[in-house]
N, C-alpha and C. Protein backbone atom coordinates (compact mmCIF):
# COMPACT_ATOMS: atom_id res chain seq x y z
N UNK A 1 13.25 -6.01 -34.77
CA UNK A 1 12.35 -7.09 -34.34
C UNK A 1 14.02 -7.86 -33.28
N UNK A 2 14.38 -7.95 -32.14
CA UNK A 2 15.87 -7.78 -31.89
C UNK A 2 15.41 -9.35 -31.52
N UNK A 3 16.83 -10.04 -31.09
CA UNK A 3 16.61 -11.65 -31.33
C UNK A 3 16.48 -12.14 -29.77
N UNK A 4 16.45 -11.44 -29.09
CA UNK A 4 16.03 -12.09 -27.96
C UNK A 4 14.28 -12.20 -28.05
N UNK A 5 13.69 -11.23 -29.05
CA UNK A 5 11.96 -11.76 -29.09
C UNK A 5 12.22 -12.47 -30.34
N UNK A 6 12.85 -12.42 -30.83
CA UNK A 6 12.67 -13.62 -31.75
C UNK A 6 12.64 -14.70 -31.66
N UNK A 7 13.83 -15.23 -30.59
CA UNK A 7 14.02 -16.63 -29.73
C UNK A 7 12.93 -16.46 -29.25
N UNK A 8 12.35 -15.76 -28.17
CA UNK A 8 11.08 -16.17 -27.52
C UNK A 8 9.57 -16.25 -27.88
N UNK A 9 9.61 -15.56 -29.81
CA UNK A 9 9.19 -15.70 -30.15
C UNK A 9 9.10 -17.37 -30.93
N UNK A 10 10.03 -17.62 -31.28
CA UNK A 10 10.47 -19.45 -31.95
C UNK A 10 9.85 -20.76 -30.70
N UNK A 11 10.77 -20.01 -29.66
CA UNK A 11 10.38 -21.09 -28.95
C UNK A 11 8.77 -21.24 -27.97
N UNK A 12 7.80 -20.31 -28.77
CA UNK A 12 6.72 -19.80 -28.39
C UNK A 12 6.07 -20.87 -29.34
N UNK A 13 6.02 -20.89 -30.30
CA UNK A 13 5.96 -22.12 -31.96
C UNK A 13 6.05 -22.74 -31.40
N UNK A 14 7.51 -23.75 -31.12
CA UNK A 14 7.79 -24.58 -31.46
C UNK A 14 6.45 -25.65 -29.85
N UNK A 15 6.48 -24.37 -28.61
CA UNK A 15 5.93 -24.87 -28.20
C UNK A 15 5.02 -25.57 -28.06
N UNK A 16 4.23 -24.70 -29.28
CA UNK A 16 2.79 -24.33 -29.40
C UNK A 16 2.32 -25.59 -30.08
N UNK A 17 3.61 -26.31 -31.26
CA UNK A 17 3.67 -27.42 -31.91
C UNK A 17 3.51 -28.15 -31.81
N UNK A 18 4.10 -28.89 -29.97
CA UNK A 18 4.64 -29.43 -29.09
C UNK A 18 3.07 -30.24 -28.15
N UNK A 19 2.45 -28.54 -28.23
CA UNK A 19 1.47 -28.68 -27.31
C UNK A 19 0.34 -29.44 -28.61
N UNK A 20 0.49 -28.72 -29.20
CA UNK A 20 -0.96 -28.77 -30.19
C UNK A 20 -0.41 -31.19 -30.49
N UNK A 21 0.59 -31.62 -30.76
CA UNK A 21 0.49 -33.09 -31.42
C UNK A 21 0.41 -33.46 -29.62
N UNK A 22 1.01 -32.97 -28.84
CA UNK A 22 0.86 -34.11 -27.88
C UNK A 22 -0.80 -33.99 -27.02
N UNK A 23 -1.79 -33.29 -27.37
CA UNK A 23 -2.95 -33.28 -26.75
C UNK A 23 -3.91 -33.28 -28.08
N UNK A 24 -3.30 -34.00 -28.97
CA UNK A 24 -3.43 -34.50 -30.38
C UNK A 24 -4.47 -36.06 -29.92
N UNK A 25 -3.64 -36.33 -29.61
CA UNK A 25 -5.18 -37.77 -28.69
C UNK A 25 -5.52 -37.65 -27.68
N UNK A 26 -6.72 -38.34 -27.61
CA UNK A 26 -7.62 -37.92 -26.68
C UNK A 26 -7.37 -38.57 -25.54
N UNK A 27 -7.14 -39.94 -25.75
CA UNK A 27 -7.37 -40.37 -24.87
C UNK A 27 -5.47 -40.61 -24.14
N UNK A 28 -4.49 -39.27 -24.51
CA UNK A 28 -3.85 -38.76 -24.13
C UNK A 28 -3.59 -37.62 -23.30
N UNK A 29 -4.20 -36.58 -24.26
CA UNK A 29 -5.04 -35.41 -23.45
C UNK A 29 -6.05 -36.07 -22.11
N UNK A 30 -7.04 -36.62 -21.66
CA UNK A 30 -7.33 -37.46 -20.77
C UNK A 30 -6.85 -37.74 -19.83
N UNK A 31 -5.55 -38.48 -20.05
CA UNK A 31 -4.28 -39.16 -19.01
C UNK A 31 -3.47 -37.87 -18.06
N UNK A 32 -3.57 -36.99 -19.56
CA UNK A 32 -3.22 -35.84 -19.18
C UNK A 32 -3.04 -34.31 -17.31
N UNK A 33 -4.33 -34.31 -18.27
CA UNK A 33 -5.95 -33.81 -17.52
C UNK A 33 -6.03 -34.65 -16.43
N UNK A 34 -5.72 -36.11 -16.34
CA UNK A 34 -6.34 -36.66 -14.89
C UNK A 34 -4.90 -36.50 -14.50
N UNK A 35 -3.83 -36.49 -14.27
CA UNK A 35 -2.29 -36.34 -13.55
C UNK A 35 -2.20 -35.37 -13.05
N UNK A 36 -2.85 -33.93 -13.91
CA UNK A 36 -2.23 -32.72 -13.48
C UNK A 36 -4.13 -32.26 -12.44
N UNK A 37 -4.75 -33.27 -12.60
CA UNK A 37 -5.29 -33.29 -10.97
C UNK A 37 -5.67 -33.76 -10.21
N UNK A 38 -4.47 -34.64 -10.34
CA UNK A 38 -3.74 -34.94 -9.14
C UNK A 38 -2.82 -34.47 -8.23
N UNK A 39 -2.03 -34.19 -9.57
CA UNK A 39 -0.55 -33.32 -9.16
C UNK A 39 -1.72 -31.83 -7.96
N UNK A 40 -2.40 -31.44 -8.58
CA UNK A 40 -3.57 -30.23 -8.10
C UNK A 40 -3.87 -30.17 -6.85
N UNK A 41 -4.64 -31.73 -6.62
CA UNK A 41 -5.46 -32.16 -5.50
C UNK A 41 -4.19 -32.10 -4.67
N UNK A 42 -2.61 -32.62 -4.52
CA UNK A 42 -2.02 -33.74 -3.69
C UNK A 42 -1.26 -32.23 -3.50
N UNK A 43 -0.40 -30.26 -4.07
CA UNK A 43 -0.53 -29.60 -3.21
C UNK A 43 -0.90 -29.11 -2.84
N UNK A 44 -3.03 -29.49 -3.00
CA UNK A 44 -3.71 -28.47 -2.33
C UNK A 44 -2.82 -29.42 -0.32
N UNK A 45 -4.15 -30.80 -0.73
CA UNK A 45 -3.47 -31.38 0.29
C UNK A 45 -2.10 -30.49 1.48
N UNK A 46 -1.04 -30.93 0.27
CA UNK A 46 0.61 -30.94 1.30
C UNK A 46 0.45 -29.27 2.02
N UNK A 47 -0.28 -28.44 0.83
CA UNK A 47 0.08 -26.86 1.68
C UNK A 47 -1.13 -26.62 3.28
N UNK A 48 -2.11 -27.08 3.09
CA UNK A 48 -3.33 -27.73 3.76
C UNK A 48 -2.50 -27.97 5.52
N UNK A 49 -1.76 -29.17 4.97
CA UNK A 49 -0.93 -29.93 6.20
C UNK A 49 -0.14 -28.92 6.57
N UNK A 50 0.83 -28.22 6.19
CA UNK A 50 2.47 -27.08 6.31
C UNK A 50 1.87 -26.74 6.69
N UNK A 51 0.20 -25.29 6.75
CA UNK A 51 -0.98 -24.52 7.25
C UNK A 51 -0.89 -24.88 8.67
N UNK A 52 -1.26 -26.70 8.48
CA UNK A 52 -2.15 -26.88 10.32
C UNK A 52 -0.19 -26.98 10.82
N UNK A 53 0.72 -27.33 10.37
CA UNK A 53 1.37 -27.51 10.69
C UNK A 53 2.34 -26.60 11.74
N UNK A 54 2.42 -25.16 10.57
CA UNK A 54 2.79 -23.52 11.24
C UNK A 54 2.34 -23.26 12.15
N UNK A 55 0.58 -23.54 12.02
CA UNK A 55 -0.11 -22.84 13.23
C UNK A 55 0.45 -23.26 14.81
N UNK A 56 0.35 -25.08 14.34
CA UNK A 56 0.68 -25.86 15.54
C UNK A 56 2.29 -25.08 16.07
N UNK A 57 3.32 -25.17 15.13
CA UNK A 57 3.89 -24.93 15.49
C UNK A 57 4.64 -22.81 15.99
N UNK A 58 3.54 -22.38 15.74
CA UNK A 58 2.81 -20.78 16.75
C UNK A 58 4.28 -19.88 15.20
N UNK A 59 4.88 -20.18 13.91
CA UNK A 59 4.63 -19.85 13.13
C UNK A 59 4.19 -19.43 11.86
N UNK A 60 4.41 -17.71 11.10
CA UNK A 60 3.75 -17.40 10.61
C UNK A 60 3.56 -18.12 9.56
N UNK A 61 2.02 -18.15 8.51
CA UNK A 61 2.08 -18.81 7.40
C UNK A 61 2.04 -17.55 5.90
N UNK A 62 2.40 -17.64 5.07
CA UNK A 62 1.64 -16.74 3.70
C UNK A 62 0.90 -16.25 3.48
N UNK A 63 -0.65 -17.02 4.48
CA UNK A 63 -1.96 -16.78 4.21
C UNK A 63 -1.78 -15.24 4.86
N UNK A 64 -1.13 -15.42 6.78
CA UNK A 64 -1.03 -14.56 8.04
C UNK A 64 -0.90 -13.51 7.46
N UNK A 65 0.68 -13.37 6.57
CA UNK A 65 1.49 -11.93 5.95
C UNK A 65 0.37 -11.67 4.60
N UNK A 66 -0.71 -11.88 3.76
CA UNK A 66 -1.29 -11.64 3.34
C UNK A 66 -2.16 -10.84 3.73
N UNK A 67 -3.23 -11.69 4.54
CA UNK A 67 -4.24 -11.13 5.91
C UNK A 67 -3.78 -9.63 6.72
N UNK A 68 -2.90 -9.52 7.00
CA UNK A 68 -1.99 -8.43 7.28
C UNK A 68 -1.77 -7.30 6.52
N UNK A 69 -1.17 -8.11 5.38
CA UNK A 69 -1.29 -6.65 4.51
C UNK A 69 -1.98 -5.51 4.00
N UNK A 70 -3.80 -6.83 4.17
CA UNK A 70 -5.11 -6.07 3.25
C UNK A 70 -5.31 -5.37 5.01
N UNK A 71 -4.79 -5.78 6.28
CA UNK A 71 -5.82 -5.02 7.03
C UNK A 71 -4.39 -3.40 7.74
N UNK A 72 -3.61 -3.02 7.03
CA UNK A 72 -2.49 -2.96 6.94
C UNK A 72 -3.56 -1.86 6.17
N UNK A 73 -2.86 -2.08 4.85
CA UNK A 73 -3.88 -1.34 4.16
C UNK A 73 -5.09 -0.06 4.42
N UNK A 74 -5.59 -0.92 5.03
CA UNK A 74 -7.50 0.08 5.68
C UNK A 74 -6.20 0.88 6.60
N UNK A 75 -6.47 0.59 7.25
CA UNK A 75 -5.47 1.09 8.10
C UNK A 75 -4.59 2.91 7.75
N UNK A 76 -3.37 2.10 6.35
CA UNK A 76 -3.08 3.65 5.65
C UNK A 76 -4.49 4.47 5.19
N UNK A 77 -4.95 3.93 4.68
CA UNK A 77 -6.09 4.73 3.92
C UNK A 77 -6.61 5.50 5.04
N UNK A 78 -7.00 4.91 5.89
CA UNK A 78 -8.14 5.58 6.63
C UNK A 78 -7.10 6.96 7.98
N UNK A 79 -5.61 6.51 7.18
CA UNK A 79 -4.93 7.11 7.73
C UNK A 79 -5.09 8.74 6.93
N UNK A 80 -4.82 8.38 5.89
CA UNK A 80 -4.94 8.99 5.30
C UNK A 80 -5.97 10.21 4.96
N UNK A 81 -6.96 9.73 5.04
CA UNK A 81 -8.58 10.19 4.74
C UNK A 81 -8.50 10.80 5.58
N UNK A 82 -7.86 10.49 6.95
CA UNK A 82 -8.06 11.17 8.71
C UNK A 82 -7.65 12.19 8.49
N UNK A 83 -5.92 12.43 7.13
CA UNK A 83 -4.82 13.14 8.11
C UNK A 83 -5.28 14.35 6.81
N UNK A 84 -6.15 13.80 5.30
CA UNK A 84 -7.07 15.16 4.28
C UNK A 84 -7.96 16.08 5.11
N UNK A 85 -9.13 15.63 5.79
CA UNK A 85 -9.66 15.82 7.21
C UNK A 85 -9.14 16.96 8.75
N UNK A 86 -8.25 16.84 9.03
CA UNK A 86 -7.42 17.97 9.49
C UNK A 86 -6.56 18.77 8.79
N UNK A 87 -6.32 18.26 7.76
CA UNK A 87 -5.63 19.19 6.77
C UNK A 87 -6.73 20.50 6.26
N UNK A 88 -7.54 20.33 5.99
CA UNK A 88 -8.65 20.41 6.14
C UNK A 88 -9.62 21.65 7.00
N UNK A 89 -9.44 21.40 8.53
CA UNK A 89 -9.85 21.84 9.52
C UNK A 89 -8.17 23.10 10.31
């Protein structure tokens, strides 16, 4: 086992111990879970607002690129199928 893997393993062990102590108290764990939920809701609201503003400014957002990537994959797949059919002819 190399030095880096030992360091990673040790860091993971320390992190696990810290998380166990942090979540040992039920009230503290509930507060942490509530805070994480608030952060997630805030991020979703921010993302939604950013998405709307970007579209109003006629700028592409990440989801637009993902959608185009999926469409391009379908087109590439169809092109390969058609190419194979032409080769058979």
